[in-house]
Amino acid sequence: MSKLKVLFLCTGNSCRSQMAEGWARALKGDVLEPYSAGIETHGMNPNAVKVMAEAGVDITGQRSKKVDELIDVPFDVVVTVCGHANETCPMWLGEKARVVHVGFDDPPKLAKDANSEEEALGHYRRVRDEIRAFIEKLPDSLRV
């Protein structure tokens, strides 16, 4: 059985989609071929890298990339992980793959108003754990 090619898409490919790719590679690499990309690129979010490392998943080998770099990859499913990506998902993705929206809160946005680094990291950890719970249900939850 070939692996399901899954793209996790968000706005800047810096946090949520990177965490999803990391979890998918770590937990489901035997059945999924995960990728992540953004509508734009914002670079890797250091706090996302930090909280993933705390959970035992190293995403330092991943890089922030625009979805256009992956135009030649025949995705089976595209998972948009934020509302903006869902609303602006490039049309060509929907022609080749099924698009599924599973929104997660934006840790950098939530962390902006945190009173301490620990409070800020708490937002990243919560979203990291929510993404893990979603990934643990794959690929079954993506099948029609």
N, C-alpha and C. Protein backbone atom coordinates (compact mmCIF):
# COMPACT_ATOMS: atom_id res chain seq x y z
N MET A 1 0.84 -1.18 0.00
CA MET A 1 0.00 0.00 0.00
C MET A 1 0.89 1.25 0.00
N SER A 2 0.63 2.17 -0.89
CA SER A 2 1.43 3.39 -0.93
C SER A 2 0.99 4.34 0.18
N LYS A 3 1.91 5.17 0.60
CA LYS A 3 1.62 6.13 1.66
C LYS A 3 0.71 7.24 1.14
N LEU A 4 -0.16 7.70 1.99
CA LEU A 4 -1.04 8.82 1.68
C LEU A 4 -0.21 10.10 1.73
N LYS A 5 -0.20 10.86 0.64
CA LYS A 5 0.53 12.13 0.59
C LYS A 5 -0.37 13.23 1.15
N VAL A 6 0.05 13.80 2.28
CA VAL A 6 -0.76 14.80 2.97
C VAL A 6 0.03 16.10 3.09
N LEU A 7 -0.61 17.19 2.71
CA LEU A 7 -0.04 18.52 2.87
C LEU A 7 -0.78 19.23 3.99
N PHE A 8 -0.02 19.74 4.97
CA PHE A 8 -0.58 20.58 6.02
C PHE A 8 -0.29 22.02 5.63
N LEU A 9 -1.34 22.80 5.41
CA LEU A 9 -1.22 24.15 4.86
C LEU A 9 -1.69 25.18 5.87
N CYS A 10 -0.87 26.22 6.07
CA CYS A 10 -1.29 27.35 6.89
C CYS A 10 -0.80 28.64 6.24
N THR A 11 -0.95 29.73 6.94
CA THR A 11 -0.61 31.01 6.33
C THR A 11 0.89 31.14 6.09
N GLY A 12 1.71 31.01 7.14
CA GLY A 12 3.13 31.30 7.01
C GLY A 12 4.06 30.12 7.12
N ASN A 13 3.52 28.91 7.30
CA ASN A 13 4.33 27.69 7.42
C ASN A 13 5.43 27.87 8.46
N SER A 14 5.04 28.43 9.62
CA SER A 14 6.04 28.66 10.66
C SER A 14 5.74 27.89 11.94
N CYS A 15 4.48 27.52 12.17
CA CYS A 15 4.12 26.96 13.47
C CYS A 15 3.19 25.75 13.34
N ARG A 16 1.90 25.98 13.15
CA ARG A 16 0.92 24.88 13.17
C ARG A 16 1.16 23.82 12.10
N SER A 17 1.38 24.24 10.88
CA SER A 17 1.61 23.26 9.82
C SER A 17 2.94 22.53 10.03
N GLN A 18 3.92 23.23 10.59
CA GLN A 18 5.21 22.59 10.88
C GLN A 18 5.05 21.54 11.98
N MET A 19 4.27 21.87 13.01
CA MET A 19 4.02 20.89 14.07
C MET A 19 3.28 19.68 13.51
N ALA A 20 2.29 19.93 12.66
CA ALA A 20 1.53 18.82 12.07
C ALA A 20 2.43 17.91 11.24
N GLU A 21 3.29 18.52 10.43
CA GLU A 21 4.22 17.71 9.63
C GLU A 21 5.12 16.88 10.55
N GLY A 22 5.64 17.51 11.59
CA GLY A 22 6.52 16.81 12.52
C GLY A 22 5.84 15.65 13.21
N TRP A 23 4.63 15.88 13.71
CA TRP A 23 3.87 14.80 14.35
C TRP A 23 3.56 13.69 13.36
N ALA A 24 3.15 14.06 12.15
CA ALA A 24 2.80 13.04 11.15
C ALA A 24 4.02 12.18 10.81
N ARG A 25 5.15 12.81 10.68
CA ARG A 25 6.38 12.07 10.37
C ARG A 25 6.74 11.13 11.53
N ALA A 26 6.63 11.64 12.77
CA ALA A 26 7.02 10.87 13.95
C ALA A 26 6.03 9.75 14.28
N LEU A 27 4.74 10.03 14.16
CA LEU A 27 3.73 9.07 14.60
C LEU A 27 3.16 8.20 13.49
N LYS A 28 3.14 8.72 12.27
CA LYS A 28 2.45 8.03 11.18
C LYS A 28 3.29 7.90 9.92
N GLY A 29 4.61 7.99 10.06
CA GLY A 29 5.50 7.93 8.91
C GLY A 29 5.41 6.63 8.13
N ASP A 30 4.86 5.61 8.74
CA ASP A 30 4.71 4.33 8.04
C ASP A 30 3.54 4.33 7.06
N VAL A 31 2.57 5.24 7.26
CA VAL A 31 1.39 5.26 6.39
C VAL A 31 1.16 6.62 5.71
N LEU A 32 1.86 7.66 6.18
CA LEU A 32 1.70 8.99 5.60
C LEU A 32 3.03 9.50 5.08
N GLU A 33 2.94 10.26 4.00
CA GLU A 33 4.09 11.03 3.50
C GLU A 33 3.71 12.49 3.71
N PRO A 34 4.11 13.06 4.87
CA PRO A 34 3.65 14.41 5.22
C PRO A 34 4.52 15.52 4.65
N TYR A 35 3.87 16.63 4.35
CA TYR A 35 4.51 17.85 3.88
C TYR A 35 3.83 19.01 4.61
N SER A 36 4.50 20.15 4.65
CA SER A 36 3.84 21.36 5.12
C SER A 36 4.28 22.51 4.24
N ALA A 37 3.41 23.50 4.15
CA ALA A 37 3.71 24.69 3.35
C ALA A 37 2.77 25.81 3.81
N GLY A 38 3.06 26.99 3.29
CA GLY A 38 2.23 28.14 3.62
C GLY A 38 1.82 28.92 2.38
N ILE A 39 0.83 29.74 2.56
CA ILE A 39 0.43 30.67 1.51
C ILE A 39 1.58 31.68 1.33
N GLU A 40 2.27 31.97 2.45
CA GLU A 40 3.46 32.82 2.49
C GLU A 40 4.52 32.04 3.28
N THR A 41 5.70 32.61 3.46
CA THR A 41 6.69 32.00 4.35
C THR A 41 7.08 33.01 5.43
N HIS A 42 7.06 32.54 6.67
CA HIS A 42 7.42 33.40 7.79
C HIS A 42 8.62 32.86 8.56
N GLY A 43 9.25 31.80 8.06
CA GLY A 43 10.37 31.20 8.77
C GLY A 43 9.88 30.29 9.89
N MET A 44 10.76 29.47 10.41
CA MET A 44 10.40 28.55 11.48
C MET A 44 10.23 29.32 12.79
N ASN A 45 9.13 29.07 13.47
CA ASN A 45 8.87 29.72 14.75
C ASN A 45 9.69 29.00 15.83
N PRO A 46 10.58 29.72 16.51
CA PRO A 46 11.45 29.07 17.49
C PRO A 46 10.69 28.43 18.65
N ASN A 47 9.56 29.00 19.03
CA ASN A 47 8.78 28.39 20.11
C ASN A 47 8.11 27.10 19.66
N ALA A 48 7.72 27.02 18.41
CA ALA A 48 7.16 25.77 17.89
C ALA A 48 8.24 24.69 17.90
N VAL A 49 9.44 25.06 17.48
CA VAL A 49 10.56 24.11 17.49
C VAL A 49 10.83 23.65 18.93
N LYS A 50 10.79 24.60 19.86
CA LYS A 50 11.07 24.30 21.27
C LYS A 50 10.06 23.34 21.88
N VAL A 51 8.76 23.61 21.68
CA VAL A 51 7.76 22.74 22.33
C VAL A 51 7.67 21.37 21.65
N MET A 52 7.99 21.31 20.37
CA MET A 52 8.03 20.00 19.72
C MET A 52 9.21 19.19 20.26
N ALA A 53 10.34 19.85 20.47
CA ALA A 53 11.50 19.16 21.04
C ALA A 53 11.18 18.64 22.44
N GLU A 54 10.44 19.43 23.22
CA GLU A 54 10.02 18.99 24.55
C GLU A 54 9.22 17.68 24.48
N ALA A 55 8.47 17.53 23.39
CA ALA A 55 7.65 16.33 23.21
C ALA A 55 8.42 15.21 22.50
N GLY A 56 9.69 15.46 22.21
CA GLY A 56 10.52 14.42 21.60
C GLY A 56 10.50 14.39 20.09
N VAL A 57 10.02 15.46 19.47
CA VAL A 57 9.95 15.51 18.01
C VAL A 57 10.84 16.66 17.52
N ASP A 58 11.83 16.32 16.73
CA ASP A 58 12.78 17.30 16.21
C ASP A 58 12.31 17.79 14.84
N ILE A 59 11.95 19.07 14.77
CA ILE A 59 11.52 19.63 13.48
C ILE A 59 12.55 20.62 12.93
N THR A 60 13.77 20.58 13.47
CA THR A 60 14.79 21.52 13.00
C THR A 60 15.22 21.25 11.57
N GLY A 61 14.97 20.06 11.05
CA GLY A 61 15.32 19.75 9.66
C GLY A 61 14.27 20.22 8.67
N GLN A 62 13.15 20.70 9.16
CA GLN A 62 12.10 21.23 8.29
C GLN A 62 12.40 22.69 8.02
N ARG A 63 11.79 23.23 6.95
CA ARG A 63 11.97 24.64 6.64
C ARG A 63 10.66 25.23 6.17
N SER A 64 10.52 26.51 6.35
CA SER A 64 9.33 27.23 5.93
C SER A 64 9.35 27.38 4.41
N LYS A 65 8.27 26.96 3.75
CA LYS A 65 8.21 27.05 2.29
C LYS A 65 6.82 27.43 1.81
N LYS A 66 6.79 28.07 0.65
CA LYS A 66 5.51 28.41 0.02
C LYS A 66 4.95 27.19 -0.69
N VAL A 67 3.65 27.12 -0.73
CA VAL A 67 2.97 25.98 -1.34
C VAL A 67 3.35 25.83 -2.81
N ASP A 68 3.68 26.92 -3.48
CA ASP A 68 4.05 26.85 -4.90
C ASP A 68 5.27 25.96 -5.15
N GLU A 69 6.12 25.79 -4.13
CA GLU A 69 7.29 24.92 -4.27
C GLU A 69 6.89 23.45 -4.42
N LEU A 70 5.67 23.13 -4.04
CA LEU A 70 5.22 21.74 -4.04
C LEU A 70 4.21 21.44 -5.15
N ILE A 71 4.18 22.29 -6.16
CA ILE A 71 3.18 22.17 -7.21
C ILE A 71 3.24 20.82 -7.94
N ASP A 72 4.40 20.19 -7.96
CA ASP A 72 4.54 18.92 -8.67
C ASP A 72 4.28 17.69 -7.81
N VAL A 73 3.97 17.88 -6.54
CA VAL A 73 3.69 16.74 -5.66
C VAL A 73 2.21 16.36 -5.79
N PRO A 74 1.92 15.11 -6.11
CA PRO A 74 0.51 14.67 -6.26
C PRO A 74 -0.12 14.35 -4.90
N PHE A 75 -0.59 15.38 -4.20
CA PHE A 75 -1.19 15.18 -2.89
C PHE A 75 -2.51 14.43 -2.98
N ASP A 76 -2.75 13.60 -1.96
CA ASP A 76 -4.05 12.94 -1.83
C ASP A 76 -5.00 13.83 -1.04
N VAL A 77 -4.46 14.46 0.00
CA VAL A 77 -5.26 15.30 0.89
C VAL A 77 -4.47 16.54 1.27
N VAL A 78 -5.17 17.67 1.31
CA VAL A 78 -4.61 18.91 1.83
C VAL A 78 -5.40 19.26 3.08
N VAL A 79 -4.70 19.41 4.20
CA VAL A 79 -5.35 19.77 5.46
C VAL A 79 -4.98 21.22 5.76
N THR A 80 -5.97 22.11 5.71
CA THR A 80 -5.73 23.50 6.09
C THR A 80 -5.88 23.58 7.60
N VAL A 81 -4.88 24.18 8.26
CA VAL A 81 -4.88 24.21 9.72
C VAL A 81 -5.18 25.59 10.29
N CYS A 82 -5.50 26.54 9.41
CA CYS A 82 -5.93 27.86 9.87
C CYS A 82 -6.97 28.40 8.89
N GLY A 83 -7.78 29.31 9.39
CA GLY A 83 -8.87 29.85 8.58
C GLY A 83 -8.38 30.57 7.34
N HIS A 84 -7.31 31.34 7.45
CA HIS A 84 -6.80 32.09 6.31
C HIS A 84 -6.36 31.14 5.19
N ALA A 85 -5.66 30.06 5.55
CA ALA A 85 -5.24 29.10 4.53
C ALA A 85 -6.44 28.43 3.90
N ASN A 86 -7.46 28.14 4.71
CA ASN A 86 -8.66 27.52 4.17
C ASN A 86 -9.36 28.44 3.17
N GLU A 87 -9.39 29.73 3.49
CA GLU A 87 -10.06 30.71 2.63
C GLU A 87 -9.25 31.02 1.37
N THR A 88 -7.94 30.89 1.45
CA THR A 88 -7.09 31.29 0.31
C THR A 88 -6.34 30.11 -0.29
N CYS A 89 -6.76 28.91 -0.01
CA CYS A 89 -6.11 27.71 -0.54
C CYS A 89 -6.06 27.81 -2.07
N PRO A 90 -4.87 27.67 -2.65
CA PRO A 90 -4.76 27.78 -4.10
C PRO A 90 -5.67 26.78 -4.81
N MET A 91 -6.35 27.24 -5.83
CA MET A 91 -7.32 26.41 -6.54
C MET A 91 -6.71 25.12 -7.08
N TRP A 92 -5.46 25.16 -7.52
CA TRP A 92 -4.85 23.97 -8.12
C TRP A 92 -4.75 22.83 -7.12
N LEU A 93 -4.68 23.15 -5.83
CA LEU A 93 -4.63 22.07 -4.82
C LEU A 93 -5.94 21.29 -4.80
N GLY A 94 -7.05 22.00 -4.89
CA GLY A 94 -8.36 21.35 -4.88
C GLY A 94 -8.65 20.54 -6.13
N GLU A 95 -7.94 20.82 -7.20
CA GLU A 95 -8.11 20.05 -8.44
C GLU A 95 -7.43 18.70 -8.34
N LYS A 96 -6.38 18.62 -7.54
CA LYS A 96 -5.58 17.41 -7.45
C LYS A 96 -5.89 16.59 -6.20
N ALA A 97 -6.33 17.23 -5.14
CA ALA A 97 -6.49 16.57 -3.85
C ALA A 97 -7.78 17.00 -3.17
N ARG A 98 -8.18 16.20 -2.22
CA ARG A 98 -9.32 16.58 -1.38
C ARG A 98 -8.81 17.56 -0.33
N VAL A 99 -9.52 18.66 -0.13
CA VAL A 99 -9.14 19.66 0.85
C VAL A 99 -10.03 19.51 2.08
N VAL A 100 -9.39 19.39 3.24
CA VAL A 100 -10.08 19.22 4.51
C VAL A 100 -9.61 20.34 5.43
N HIS A 101 -10.55 21.00 6.11
CA HIS A 101 -10.16 22.05 7.05
C HIS A 101 -10.28 21.55 8.49
N VAL A 102 -9.18 21.67 9.22
CA VAL A 102 -9.13 21.35 10.64
C VAL A 102 -8.40 22.51 11.31
N GLY A 103 -9.14 23.47 11.79
CA GLY A 103 -8.53 24.68 12.33
C GLY A 103 -7.98 24.52 13.73
N PHE A 104 -6.84 25.13 13.98
CA PHE A 104 -6.22 25.16 15.30
C PHE A 104 -5.93 26.62 15.65
N ASP A 105 -5.99 26.94 16.95
CA ASP A 105 -5.65 28.29 17.39
C ASP A 105 -4.23 28.65 16.98
N ASP A 106 -3.96 29.95 16.86
CA ASP A 106 -2.66 30.45 16.44
C ASP A 106 -1.81 30.78 17.67
N PRO A 107 -0.85 29.92 18.03
CA PRO A 107 -0.06 30.17 19.24
C PRO A 107 0.66 31.51 19.27
N PRO A 108 1.30 31.97 18.18
CA PRO A 108 1.95 33.28 18.27
C PRO A 108 0.98 34.42 18.59
N LYS A 109 -0.20 34.34 18.04
CA LYS A 109 -1.21 35.38 18.30
C LYS A 109 -1.64 35.33 19.77
N LEU A 110 -1.87 34.13 20.29
CA LEU A 110 -2.27 33.99 21.69
C LEU A 110 -1.15 34.40 22.63
N ALA A 111 0.07 34.08 22.26
CA ALA A 111 1.22 34.34 23.13
C ALA A 111 1.59 35.82 23.21
N LYS A 112 1.11 36.61 22.27
CA LYS A 112 1.43 38.05 22.25
C LYS A 112 1.07 38.74 23.56
N ASP A 113 -0.04 38.34 24.15
CA ASP A 113 -0.52 39.00 25.36
C ASP A 113 -0.13 38.26 26.64
N ALA A 114 0.74 37.27 26.52
CA ALA A 114 1.16 36.50 27.69
C ALA A 114 2.00 37.36 28.63
N ASN A 115 1.89 37.10 29.92
CA ASN A 115 2.63 37.85 30.93
C ASN A 115 4.02 37.29 31.20
N SER A 116 4.29 36.10 30.68
CA SER A 116 5.60 35.48 30.89
C SER A 116 5.90 34.53 29.74
N GLU A 117 7.16 34.14 29.63
CA GLU A 117 7.53 33.17 28.59
C GLU A 117 6.82 31.85 28.84
N GLU A 118 6.72 31.45 30.10
CA GLU A 118 6.06 30.18 30.43
C GLU A 118 4.58 30.21 30.02
N GLU A 119 3.92 31.32 30.25
CA GLU A 119 2.52 31.46 29.84
C GLU A 119 2.41 31.40 28.32
N ALA A 120 3.34 32.06 27.63
CA ALA A 120 3.34 32.04 26.16
C ALA A 120 3.54 30.61 25.66
N LEU A 121 4.52 29.91 26.23
CA LEU A 121 4.78 28.54 25.80
C LEU A 121 3.59 27.63 26.09
N GLY A 122 2.81 27.96 27.09
CA GLY A 122 1.61 27.17 27.38
C GLY A 122 0.65 27.13 26.20
N HIS A 123 0.52 28.24 25.49
CA HIS A 123 -0.34 28.27 24.30
C HIS A 123 0.22 27.35 23.22
N TYR A 124 1.52 27.40 23.02
CA TYR A 124 2.16 26.52 22.03
C TYR A 124 1.98 25.05 22.41
N ARG A 125 2.14 24.74 23.68
CA ARG A 125 2.01 23.35 24.14
C ARG A 125 0.60 22.83 23.95
N ARG A 126 -0.39 23.66 24.27
CA ARG A 126 -1.78 23.23 24.11
C ARG A 126 -2.09 22.92 22.65
N VAL A 127 -1.71 23.82 21.76
CA VAL A 127 -1.98 23.60 20.34
C VAL A 127 -1.17 22.40 19.83
N ARG A 128 0.08 22.28 20.27
CA ARG A 128 0.90 21.11 19.90
C ARG A 128 0.17 19.82 20.26
N ASP A 129 -0.38 19.77 21.47
CA ASP A 129 -1.06 18.56 21.93
C ASP A 129 -2.37 18.32 21.17
N GLU A 130 -3.07 19.39 20.80
CA GLU A 130 -4.30 19.25 20.00
C GLU A 130 -3.95 18.71 18.61
N ILE A 131 -2.87 19.20 18.04
CA ILE A 131 -2.45 18.72 16.72
C ILE A 131 -2.05 17.25 16.81
N ARG A 132 -1.34 16.88 17.87
CA ARG A 132 -0.96 15.47 18.05
C ARG A 132 -2.20 14.59 18.09
N ALA A 133 -3.22 15.00 18.85
CA ALA A 133 -4.45 14.20 18.96
C ALA A 133 -5.09 14.02 17.58
N PHE A 134 -5.07 15.07 16.77
CA PHE A 134 -5.61 14.97 15.41
C PHE A 134 -4.79 14.00 14.57
N ILE A 135 -3.47 14.13 14.62
CA ILE A 135 -2.58 13.28 13.82
C ILE A 135 -2.72 11.81 14.22
N GLU A 136 -2.92 11.55 15.50
CA GLU A 136 -3.06 10.16 15.97
C GLU A 136 -4.24 9.44 15.31
N LYS A 137 -5.23 10.19 14.85
CA LYS A 137 -6.42 9.60 14.21
C LYS A 137 -6.25 9.38 12.71
N LEU A 138 -5.12 9.83 12.17
CA LEU A 138 -4.87 9.69 10.73
C LEU A 138 -4.32 8.30 10.43
N PRO A 139 -4.50 7.78 9.26
CA PRO A 139 -5.22 8.35 8.12
C PRO A 139 -6.72 8.09 8.13
N ASP A 140 -7.20 7.28 9.08
CA ASP A 140 -8.61 6.89 9.08
C ASP A 140 -9.57 8.06 9.03
N SER A 141 -9.27 9.14 9.75
CA SER A 141 -10.18 10.28 9.78
C SER A 141 -10.18 11.07 8.46
N LEU A 142 -9.26 10.76 7.55
CA LEU A 142 -9.21 11.46 6.26
C LEU A 142 -9.89 10.68 5.15
N ARG A 143 -10.16 9.43 5.38
CA ARG A 143 -10.77 8.60 4.32
C ARG A 143 -12.24 8.95 4.14
N VAL A 144 -12.67 8.91 2.91
CA VAL A 144 -14.06 9.25 2.61
C VAL A 144 -14.96 8.09 2.99
